[in-house]
Structure formats: structure tokens, C-alpha cells
Amino acid sequence: MGRFLARRDQPSVRLIVHGASRRMVARQGTAVVFLVCATTFALTSASRGFSAGRSPIGSEWPAAIASSSANADTDGDGLTDRFERKWGVTDPLKADTNGDGLLDGAEDPDGDGLSNLGEQRFGTNPSNPDTDRDGIPDGRDDANRDGVADGKQQDDRPVPAHLRPSLAEASSDYQCYVPGSGDNGACTGDPQSDVTVVLYGDSHAGQWAPALNRASAARHWHLFIMAKSGCPSVDVPRSNPACAAWRSASEALLAAHPPSLVVITNYSHYMYQHHKYSSAAWRNGLARTLAAMPPESRILVLGDTPKFARNVPLCLRTHLTNIAACETSRSDAISATHDRVEQSAARAAGATFSSMNAWVCPYDPCSAIVGDLLLWRDNHHLTSTYSVQLAPALGALVANALAAP
């Protein structure tokens, strides 16, 4: 964050700005000072003097933030400037303080199940999982004593007016990968790069194509998408014979042109002959897929994303005043057993296992909307809009896998 220093001179105020990176407005008396700065400069106001506030995280806030009203939200992350200054966990000038793609309002730094927005709502400490020290995590506590855990009520708020994508557009919000058709050829990252990354799986691989395309372009990776709806890259029997043929052709291509990294990710709720695959069947199938990968390539197995109880956009249409009504608890939405199965198979094969669920389901229950971003286009596929939002986080996981021994 840029460092703002205010110094009181007579008869005016001299505001020295060093390295600010965003536009802000400082209001003092009747004077309005607009700051748009990339280099150091000084402004003088004839208004009465003021001093910048001190940030709890060690830097000095500009005067506009130090004197902001109780409900002011300078960065638009849903958290008031006052809340962010008080606790010092996030920056009131940055909607995404740590730059990972997850907006500050949805972060859960103390892991108590309440987002920062929820902590603000219930008056709890975002750095302390048990603010009142009663032995109950804040997310399971009942601050307003209405008989419902606070975590379940934290998103009891209206759908944002300017939701992206809109509820009407959600079902068709996809890029790079078209359900039922596959890769549209539009997303290749940096095609001039010698570092090649292949995304290999079903439509749950396809949902990450927008994020990985953005990350690949930024980090100079050449991206290839091998994804087919309804066909997992895990070697398990499917009633559709096209799945086995697609998998064989994909693995032959990988063998002929070994990439730097293969990212394997798939839907975790497949049924076969009216039954869900057993853990053993999935583990063995994943082990066969991993064994078929080129020995020169590094492998990242990416855990599956949540599955909601209801189609999220359709649900929200009938619950426009209460987002929480369309959310699903983390324990119901995410299969911890499935993650352990994939992690075990990956470890045995010398592959890396990672999950994006800390960003997709950052608190409990799993979120339907973060800020003004709609996460889901149905009950288990991310919108491309939100996928792109998480490019920094996914890019970091992929970079770590590429650097693995």
C-alpha cells in the first residue's frame, strides 16, 4: 500500500503523498482534493489542517480514511473503513488485501466459520475464533440469541443490485470451455512459452480454464485444455463409450508431447449403475491415470469443488432478500473423504495434491455470492466470472506444482 503522510503547516495543510497506487478523495471543510498519483508530489489546501490516522497494521492512513464516517467503505469490499482500521487484518484501501482473488469481506482469517463480513455483522473479532471465550467458535455461537448459529445467518442479506453475472446470465456464463462441446480454442495463456500446462478432466476441469488462462498469460505458460463433459480423466468405467475413447486419445497425445505440468481435476459425485463409485474404485482409477502420465511431466491433482443442495441462481431468484437461504454447509458441500482418497493416490504417485476450496468455500456455509460476484452457474459449476477472479490463487498453486521436485 502507498504511504500517506499529512503535515499541518500554517496557514494551510501540506499533504505529501508517496507511491500511492489508487484514486481517492480527501474532504476537509469545503475543499476537495483528488489524488491520482504514481510518483511523489505535494498538494496544498487552504482548508483547515488535519493529520492522517495511524493504521493498526503499522502504516499511516490518509486523512480521508482517518476521519471517515461509520459506514464508509472506501475500497468497496463490504467492510467499513472503521472495522478494517479497528482490527488491522485488512486494508481499507484494498478490496483484496493479500491479492489472492478472494475479496476481504469473504476471508475467514481465524477459521471460525464467520467471514470478515460476518464478524462485522455480529461484532466479533476476526482474529479470534472465540471472541467471548465461551468455548464455542464464533461461527457456531448465537450472538443475537435467536436460536440459530451466527454462521448460518451471516449472509442473511439481499442479492446485490449489480450482481456479476446476473442471475439471468449465470447459466451461460462460461469462457474457454463450452459445456457439451469442450475447449473452444480461445484460451491458450502465452502460446509463445516453452512451459506447457495441460488441464485434463471433465467439466470441473473446464470450469477452471478461465482462471488458468488468466494465470498462464500472466506467468507465461502455454495452456492446453483437454476436457470433456461427463467424462472424468480418472480411469473408471462409464456407460458412455465415448469417455474411454476420449481418455485414450488424450493420454496418447500427452505421451507424444509431454507437457511441463498436467493438472487433473474432476467432479466427485459420479454415479455408475445407480451407485456412486466407492473410494477404492476411485483411488485405483486415479492411480491408473497417474501411472499413464508422461514421466517427464509434473502432476497436480486438484481437489473437487463444492456441490450445493439447490441450483444457486434459480434459488436466489426466489430468495432475493436472503442469500443465506441458497447456501449449503461446508460438510454437506465438500467430501472430505474424497479429498483424502485423491491426496493419497497423488502422494503414492509422487504427484502434488492441492485444493481451491479455501477460496471457493472460504467460510461456512459455502458462499453463493462474494461481494457482487456470483460464484455458481448451477449447483456445482463455477461461473467463469468467479473463476477468473481466482486466477491469482490458482496460479500460485500451479507455480508451486511446477517447482516441485
Protein backbone atom coordinates (compact mmCIF):
# COMPACT_ATOMS: atom_id res chain seq x y z
CA MET A 1 0.00 0.00 0.00
CA GLY A 2 1.20 3.52 -0.71
CA ARG A 3 2.25 5.55 2.33
CA PHE A 4 0.35 8.75 3.02
CA LEU A 5 1.74 11.44 5.29
CA ALA A 6 -0.13 14.58 6.36
CA ARG A 7 1.69 17.51 7.90
CA ARG A 8 -0.01 20.57 9.33
CA ASP A 9 1.51 23.84 8.12
CA GLN A 10 0.23 27.36 8.76
CA PRO A 11 -1.93 28.74 7.34
CA SER A 12 -2.62 25.71 5.15
CA VAL A 13 -2.12 21.97 5.06
CA ARG A 14 0.61 20.38 3.03
CA LEU A 15 -0.18 16.77 2.08
CA ILE A 16 2.83 14.74 0.97
CA VAL A 17 1.98 11.59 -0.99
CA HIS A 18 4.50 8.82 -1.59
CA GLY A 19 3.82 5.99 -4.05
CA ALA A 20 0.03 5.91 -3.88
CA SER A 21 -1.48 3.43 -6.26
CA ARG A 22 -5.15 4.29 -6.41
CA ARG A 23 -7.54 7.20 -6.72
CA MET A 24 -9.02 8.57 -3.55
CA VAL A 25 -10.77 11.69 -2.33
CA ALA A 26 -9.86 13.67 0.77
CA ARG A 27 -12.50 16.06 2.05
CA GLN A 28 -11.71 18.75 4.61
CA GLY A 29 -14.14 21.60 5.20
CA THR A 30 -15.23 22.82 1.80
CA ALA A 31 -12.06 21.76 -0.02
CA VAL A 32 -11.95 18.58 -2.07
CA VAL A 33 -8.58 17.16 -3.02
CA PHE A 34 -8.37 14.45 -5.68
CA LEU A 35 -5.28 12.29 -5.56
CA VAL A 36 -4.28 10.24 -8.57
CA CYS A 37 -0.62 9.54 -8.10
CA ALA A 38 2.10 7.36 -9.48
CA THR A 39 5.02 9.46 -8.22
CA THR A 40 5.69 11.66 -5.21
CA PHE A 41 4.10 15.09 -5.23
CA ALA A 42 2.61 17.62 -2.81
CA LEU A 43 -0.77 19.32 -2.64
CA THR A 44 -1.71 22.33 -0.54
CA SER A 45 -5.22 23.03 0.67
CA ALA A 46 -6.46 26.33 2.03
CA SER A 47 -8.82 24.43 4.27
CA ARG A 48 -8.10 23.86 7.95
CA GLY A 49 -5.27 21.47 8.87
CA PHE A 50 -5.62 17.77 9.50
CA SER A 51 -3.47 14.78 10.39
CA ALA A 52 -3.57 11.31 8.90
CA GLY A 53 -4.70 8.42 11.09
CA ARG A 54 -2.44 5.61 12.20
CA SER A 55 -3.12 2.11 10.85
CA PRO A 56 -3.25 -0.78 13.32
CA ILE A 57 -1.02 -2.72 10.89
CA GLY A 58 1.74 -0.17 11.08
CA SER A 59 1.34 2.35 8.26
CA GLU A 60 -0.43 5.70 8.27
CA TRP A 61 -3.91 6.11 6.81
CA PRO A 62 -4.72 9.15 4.69
CA ALA A 63 -6.84 11.77 6.37
CA ALA A 64 -9.90 10.80 4.32
CA ILE A 65 -9.79 7.34 5.87
CA ALA A 66 -8.86 8.51 9.35
CA SER A 67 -11.93 10.75 9.51
CA SER A 68 -14.34 8.58 7.52
CA SER A 69 -17.91 8.11 8.67
CA ALA A 70 -19.02 4.99 10.50
CA ASN A 71 -20.38 3.33 7.35
CA ALA A 72 -17.78 4.49 4.84
CA ASP A 73 -16.32 1.68 2.70
CA THR A 74 -13.60 3.26 0.59
CA ASP A 75 -12.50 0.08 -1.21
CA GLY A 76 -16.00 -1.36 -1.72
CA ASP A 77 -15.27 -4.75 -0.12
CA GLY A 78 -18.32 -4.62 2.15
CA LEU A 79 -16.23 -3.90 5.24
CA THR A 80 -16.42 -0.43 6.72
CA ASP A 81 -13.21 1.56 6.97
CA ARG A 82 -13.77 1.72 10.72
CA PHE A 83 -13.93 -2.09 11.03
CA GLU A 84 -10.78 -2.55 8.93
CA ARG A 85 -8.87 0.10 10.90
CA LYS A 86 -10.00 -1.30 14.24
CA TRP A 87 -8.79 -4.85 13.70
CA GLY A 88 -5.92 -4.26 11.30
CA VAL A 89 -6.48 -7.54 9.46
CA THR A 90 -7.29 -5.93 6.12
CA ASP A 91 -6.51 -2.68 4.30
CA PRO A 92 -9.40 -0.20 3.89
CA LEU A 93 -7.86 0.94 0.60
CA LYS A 94 -7.69 -2.53 -0.96
CA ALA A 95 -10.69 -4.76 -1.61
CA ASP A 96 -8.35 -7.76 -1.77
CA THR A 97 -5.56 -7.02 0.68
CA ASN A 98 -3.46 -10.12 0.03
CA GLY A 99 -4.10 -10.14 -3.73
CA ASP A 100 -5.24 -13.77 -3.92
CA GLY A 101 -8.54 -13.01 -5.69
CA LEU A 102 -10.77 -13.53 -2.64
CA LEU A 103 -12.33 -10.25 -1.53
CA ASP A 104 -11.57 -9.19 2.03
CA GLY A 105 -15.20 -9.42 3.12
CA ALA A 106 -15.21 -13.17 2.43
CA GLU A 107 -11.90 -14.00 4.10
CA ASP A 108 -12.03 -16.01 7.35
CA PRO A 109 -8.58 -15.39 8.87
CA ASP A 110 -9.30 -17.02 12.22
CA GLY A 111 -11.06 -20.08 10.76
CA ASP A 112 -14.14 -19.82 12.97
CA GLY A 113 -16.62 -20.16 10.09
CA LEU A 114 -17.50 -16.45 10.04
CA SER A 115 -16.29 -14.33 7.15
CA ASN A 116 -14.92 -10.88 7.91
CA LEU A 117 -18.31 -9.58 6.80
CA GLY A 118 -19.96 -11.91 9.31
CA GLU A 119 -17.57 -10.81 12.06
CA GLN A 120 -18.51 -7.22 11.29
CA ARG A 121 -22.20 -8.05 11.41
CA PHE A 122 -22.03 -9.81 14.79
CA GLY A 123 -19.39 -7.57 16.36
CA THR A 124 -16.81 -10.30 16.82
CA ASN A 125 -13.03 -10.27 16.44
CA PRO A 126 -11.84 -11.52 13.02
CA SER A 127 -8.53 -12.60 14.58
CA ASN A 128 -10.03 -14.56 17.46
CA PRO A 129 -12.14 -17.67 16.72
CA ASP A 130 -13.84 -17.44 20.11
CA THR A 131 -14.30 -13.77 20.84
CA ASP A 132 -16.32 -14.18 24.05
CA ARG A 133 -14.20 -17.11 25.29
CA ASP A 134 -17.20 -19.33 25.94
CA GLY A 135 -15.62 -22.35 24.27
CA ILE A 136 -17.85 -22.05 21.18
CA PRO A 137 -16.35 -20.83 17.88
CA ASP A 138 -17.92 -17.55 16.76
CA GLY A 139 -19.48 -19.17 13.69
CA ARG A 140 -21.41 -21.63 15.88
CA ASP A 141 -22.23 -19.07 18.54
CA ASP A 142 -25.58 -17.29 18.76
CA ALA A 143 -24.83 -13.63 19.42
CA ASN A 144 -28.41 -12.42 18.93
CA ARG A 145 -29.86 -15.35 20.90
CA ASP A 146 -32.43 -16.27 18.27
CA GLY A 147 -31.64 -19.97 18.40
CA VAL A 148 -29.76 -20.02 15.06
CA ALA A 149 -25.97 -20.19 14.80
CA ASP A 150 -24.44 -16.94 13.58
CA GLY A 151 -22.63 -18.68 10.74
CA LYS A 152 -25.93 -19.71 9.19
CA GLN A 153 -27.19 -16.13 9.30
CA GLN A 154 -24.09 -14.24 8.20
CA ASP A 155 -25.33 -13.99 4.61
CA ASP A 156 -28.89 -13.09 5.53
CA ARG A 157 -28.75 -10.10 3.19
CA PRO A 158 -30.13 -9.13 -0.23
CA VAL A 159 -28.70 -10.15 -3.58
CA PRO A 160 -26.57 -7.20 -4.82
CA ALA A 161 -28.29 -5.00 -7.40
CA HIS A 162 -25.31 -5.18 -9.77
CA LEU A 163 -24.55 -8.89 -9.49
CA ARG A 164 -21.93 -10.25 -11.92
CA PRO A 165 -23.01 -12.25 -13.82
CA SER A 166 -26.70 -11.52 -13.34
CA LEU A 167 -28.99 -14.35 -12.30
CA ALA A 168 -30.43 -14.38 -15.82
CA GLU A 169 -26.97 -14.66 -17.40
CA ALA A 170 -25.49 -17.17 -14.95
CA SER A 171 -26.32 -20.38 -16.85
CA SER A 172 -24.46 -19.16 -19.94
CA ASP A 173 -21.52 -17.57 -18.12
CA TYR A 174 -18.63 -19.62 -19.44
CA GLN A 175 -15.42 -18.93 -21.33
CA CYS A 176 -12.73 -21.16 -22.79
CA TYR A 177 -14.80 -24.29 -22.22
CA VAL A 178 -18.35 -24.77 -23.53
CA PRO A 179 -20.38 -27.44 -21.71
CA GLY A 180 -21.16 -30.33 -24.04
CA SER A 181 -18.66 -29.08 -26.64
CA GLY A 182 -15.37 -28.73 -24.79
CA ASP A 183 -12.43 -26.41 -25.40
CA ASN A 184 -13.31 -23.55 -27.76
CA GLY A 185 -9.67 -22.79 -28.54
CA ALA A 186 -9.87 -19.26 -27.18
CA CYS A 187 -7.73 -19.77 -24.09
CA THR A 188 -4.08 -20.64 -24.56
CA GLY A 189 -2.29 -18.49 -21.96
CA ASP A 190 1.03 -17.47 -23.51
CA PRO A 191 1.34 -19.56 -26.71
CA GLN A 192 4.96 -18.43 -27.14
CA SER A 193 6.08 -20.02 -23.89
CA ASP A 194 8.06 -23.25 -23.63
CA VAL A 195 6.42 -24.01 -20.27
CA THR A 196 3.33 -26.04 -21.11
CA VAL A 197 0.41 -26.71 -18.79
CA VAL A 198 -2.40 -29.15 -19.63
CA LEU A 199 -5.78 -29.05 -17.86
CA TYR A 200 -7.13 -32.62 -18.01
CA GLY A 201 -10.57 -33.72 -16.81
CA ASP A 202 -14.30 -33.26 -17.18
CA SER A 203 -16.44 -30.10 -16.93
CA HIS A 204 -14.97 -29.46 -13.48
CA ALA A 205 -11.63 -29.10 -15.20
CA GLY A 206 -13.34 -26.86 -17.77
CA GLN A 207 -14.63 -24.53 -15.03
CA TRP A 208 -11.02 -23.70 -14.10
CA ALA A 209 -9.98 -22.91 -17.68
CA PRO A 210 -10.76 -19.15 -17.38
CA ALA A 211 -8.71 -18.84 -14.19
CA LEU A 212 -5.82 -20.88 -15.55
CA ASN A 213 -5.87 -18.98 -18.83
CA ARG A 214 -5.54 -15.66 -16.96
CA ALA A 215 -2.79 -17.05 -14.72
CA SER A 216 -0.97 -18.64 -17.69
CA ALA A 217 -0.95 -15.39 -19.62
CA ALA A 218 0.41 -13.51 -16.60
CA ARG A 219 3.03 -16.12 -15.72
CA HIS A 220 3.96 -17.02 -19.31
CA TRP A 221 2.73 -20.60 -19.52
CA HIS A 222 1.29 -22.16 -22.67
CA LEU A 223 -2.10 -23.61 -21.75
CA PHE A 224 -3.80 -26.62 -23.34
CA ILE A 225 -7.29 -27.77 -22.34
CA MET A 226 -8.26 -31.44 -22.52
CA ALA A 227 -11.74 -31.58 -21.03
CA LYS A 228 -14.94 -33.42 -21.88
CA SER A 229 -18.26 -33.03 -20.07
CA GLY A 230 -19.37 -36.15 -18.21
CA CYS A 231 -16.05 -37.91 -18.81
CA PRO A 232 -13.62 -37.98 -15.89
CA SER A 233 -9.93 -38.28 -16.62
CA VAL A 234 -9.86 -40.85 -13.81
CA ASP A 235 -9.85 -44.36 -15.28
CA VAL A 236 -13.23 -45.62 -14.06
CA PRO A 237 -15.92 -47.32 -16.17
CA ARG A 238 -18.55 -45.08 -17.72
CA SER A 239 -21.74 -46.01 -19.51
CA ASN A 240 -20.78 -43.61 -22.30
CA PRO A 241 -18.24 -45.44 -24.53
CA ALA A 242 -17.00 -42.10 -25.86
CA CYS A 243 -15.37 -41.42 -22.47
CA ALA A 244 -12.88 -44.28 -22.71
CA ALA A 245 -12.03 -43.35 -26.30
CA TRP A 246 -11.51 -39.71 -25.33
CA ARG A 247 -9.31 -40.65 -22.40
CA SER A 248 -7.17 -42.98 -24.54
CA ALA A 249 -6.72 -40.33 -27.23
CA SER A 250 -5.86 -37.67 -24.64
CA GLU A 251 -3.24 -39.82 -22.94
CA ALA A 252 -1.69 -40.78 -26.29
CA LEU A 253 -1.35 -37.08 -27.09
CA LEU A 254 0.22 -36.42 -23.69
CA ALA A 255 2.69 -39.23 -24.22
CA ALA A 256 3.66 -37.89 -27.65
CA HIS A 257 4.03 -34.30 -26.38
CA PRO A 258 4.86 -34.37 -22.64
CA PRO A 259 3.89 -31.06 -21.02
CA SER A 260 5.67 -29.38 -18.14
CA LEU A 261 2.63 -29.97 -15.91
CA VAL A 262 -0.67 -31.83 -16.09
CA VAL A 263 -3.49 -30.54 -13.86
CA ILE A 264 -6.01 -33.32 -13.20
CA THR A 265 -9.36 -32.41 -11.69
CA ASN A 266 -12.84 -33.93 -11.89
CA TYR A 267 -16.35 -33.98 -10.50
CA SER A 268 -16.52 -36.09 -7.33
CA HIS A 269 -20.15 -37.25 -7.38
CA TYR A 270 -20.30 -39.61 -10.36
CA MET A 271 -22.81 -42.43 -10.36
CA TYR A 272 -22.30 -45.72 -12.19
CA GLN A 273 -25.05 -48.31 -12.41
CA HIS A 274 -27.07 -46.26 -9.90
CA HIS A 275 -24.28 -46.19 -7.32
CA LYS A 276 -21.55 -43.71 -6.51
CA TYR A 277 -18.06 -45.01 -7.08
CA SER A 278 -16.52 -46.47 -3.95
CA SER A 279 -13.42 -44.82 -2.50
CA ALA A 280 -11.36 -47.83 -3.54
CA ALA A 281 -12.63 -47.74 -7.12
CA TRP A 282 -11.87 -44.04 -7.47
CA ARG A 283 -8.44 -44.37 -5.84
CA ASN A 284 -7.50 -47.23 -8.13
CA GLY A 285 -8.80 -45.41 -11.18
CA LEU A 286 -6.86 -42.28 -10.31
CA ALA A 287 -3.75 -44.38 -9.72
CA ARG A 288 -4.08 -45.83 -13.23
CA THR A 289 -4.47 -42.36 -14.72
CA LEU A 290 -1.44 -41.07 -12.85
CA ALA A 291 0.62 -44.05 -14.00
CA ALA A 292 -0.30 -43.22 -17.59
CA MET A 293 1.10 -39.70 -17.36
CA PRO A 294 4.45 -38.93 -19.04
CA PRO A 295 7.34 -39.46 -16.59
CA GLU A 296 8.84 -36.12 -17.68
CA SER A 297 5.73 -34.19 -16.59
CA ARG A 298 4.93 -32.94 -13.13
CA ILE A 299 1.38 -33.66 -11.97
CA LEU A 300 -1.07 -31.61 -9.92
CA VAL A 301 -4.24 -33.31 -8.70
CA LEU A 302 -6.72 -30.55 -7.88
CA GLY A 303 -9.50 -31.45 -5.46
CA ASP A 304 -13.12 -31.06 -6.47
CA THR A 305 -15.27 -28.02 -5.70
CA PRO A 306 -18.49 -27.93 -3.61
CA LYS A 307 -21.84 -29.27 -4.68
CA PHE A 308 -24.84 -27.27 -3.48
CA ALA A 309 -28.20 -28.72 -2.49
CA ARG A 310 -30.01 -26.45 -4.97
CA ASN A 311 -29.35 -24.72 -8.26
CA VAL A 312 -27.92 -21.48 -6.87
CA PRO A 313 -29.12 -18.92 -9.46
CA LEU A 314 -32.63 -20.40 -9.54
CA CYS A 315 -32.76 -20.43 -5.75
CA LEU A 316 -31.62 -16.83 -5.49
CA ARG A 317 -34.38 -15.73 -7.86
CA THR A 318 -36.88 -16.79 -5.23
CA HIS A 319 -34.80 -15.53 -2.27
CA LEU A 320 -33.69 -12.11 -3.45
CA THR A 321 -33.60 -10.75 0.11
CA ASN A 322 -31.73 -13.62 1.73
CA ILE A 323 -28.61 -15.08 0.12
CA ALA A 324 -28.16 -17.48 3.06
CA ALA A 325 -31.28 -19.43 2.04
CA CYS A 326 -29.40 -20.74 -1.01
CA GLU A 327 -26.14 -21.78 0.66
CA THR A 328 -25.02 -25.25 1.74
CA SER A 329 -22.96 -26.20 4.76
CA ARG A 330 -19.32 -26.99 4.09
CA SER A 331 -19.66 -30.54 5.45
CA ASP A 332 -22.51 -31.27 3.01
CA ALA A 333 -20.99 -29.47 0.01
CA ILE A 334 -17.46 -30.86 0.17
CA SER A 335 -16.47 -34.50 0.51
CA ALA A 336 -13.50 -34.61 2.85
CA THR A 337 -13.29 -38.37 2.25
CA HIS A 338 -12.96 -37.88 -1.49
CA ASP A 339 -10.20 -35.33 -0.96
CA ARG A 340 -8.31 -37.78 1.24
CA VAL A 341 -8.65 -40.50 -1.40
CA GLU A 342 -7.24 -38.26 -4.12
CA GLN A 343 -4.50 -36.94 -1.87
CA SER A 344 -3.46 -40.49 -1.00
CA ALA A 345 -3.32 -41.56 -4.66
CA ALA A 346 -1.39 -38.42 -5.61
CA ARG A 347 1.16 -38.92 -2.85
CA ALA A 348 1.72 -42.56 -3.81
CA ALA A 349 2.40 -41.49 -7.41
CA GLY A 350 4.73 -38.64 -6.46
CA ALA A 351 2.20 -36.04 -7.61
CA THR A 352 1.10 -32.85 -5.86
CA PHE A 353 -2.40 -32.55 -4.38
CA SER A 354 -3.98 -29.13 -3.79
CA SER A 355 -7.45 -27.70 -3.35
CA MET A 356 -9.04 -24.37 -4.25
CA ASN A 357 -11.82 -24.76 -1.69
CA ALA A 358 -10.27 -22.23 0.68
CA TRP A 359 -11.17 -19.67 -1.99
CA VAL A 360 -14.36 -21.29 -3.33
CA CYS A 361 -15.84 -22.07 0.09
CA PRO A 362 -13.95 -19.63 2.33
CA TYR A 363 -16.34 -19.84 5.27
CA ASP A 364 -19.23 -21.98 6.49
CA PRO A 365 -21.76 -22.37 4.90
CA CYS A 366 -20.24 -22.27 1.44
CA SER A 367 -20.90 -18.90 -0.14
CA ALA A 368 -23.19 -18.27 -3.10
CA ILE A 369 -22.10 -14.65 -3.60
CA VAL A 370 -18.88 -12.84 -2.69
CA GLY A 371 -19.10 -9.07 -2.96
CA ASP A 372 -21.04 -8.54 -6.18
CA LEU A 373 -19.75 -11.78 -7.75
CA LEU A 374 -21.99 -14.79 -8.28
CA LEU A 375 -19.96 -17.96 -7.72
CA TRP A 376 -22.17 -20.63 -9.29
CA ARG A 377 -23.94 -21.06 -12.63
CA ASP A 378 -25.86 -24.12 -11.35
CA ASN A 379 -25.37 -26.23 -8.22
CA HIS A 380 -21.76 -27.34 -8.83
CA HIS A 381 -20.10 -25.36 -11.66
CA LEU A 382 -18.33 -22.06 -11.08
CA THR A 383 -19.25 -19.06 -13.20
CA SER A 384 -16.42 -18.03 -15.49
CA THR A 385 -16.58 -14.59 -13.87
CA TYR A 386 -15.64 -16.03 -10.49
CA SER A 387 -13.15 -18.48 -11.99
CA VAL A 388 -11.21 -15.56 -13.49
CA GLN A 389 -11.37 -13.76 -10.14
CA LEU A 390 -9.41 -16.61 -8.55
CA ALA A 391 -6.61 -16.64 -11.14
CA PRO A 392 -4.03 -15.37 -8.60
CA ALA A 393 -4.74 -18.20 -6.15
CA LEU A 394 -4.84 -20.94 -8.79
CA GLY A 395 -1.75 -19.54 -10.46
CA ALA A 396 0.14 -19.80 -7.17
CA LEU A 397 -0.86 -23.46 -6.72
CA VAL A 398 0.19 -24.30 -10.28
CA ALA A 399 3.50 -22.46 -9.84
CA ASN A 400 4.20 -24.49 -6.70
CA ALA A 401 3.46 -27.73 -8.55
CA LEU A 402 5.76 -26.72 -11.41
CA ALA A 403 8.53 -26.08 -8.88
CA ALA A 404 8.02 -29.39 -7.06
CA PRO A 405 10.98 -31.82 -7.15
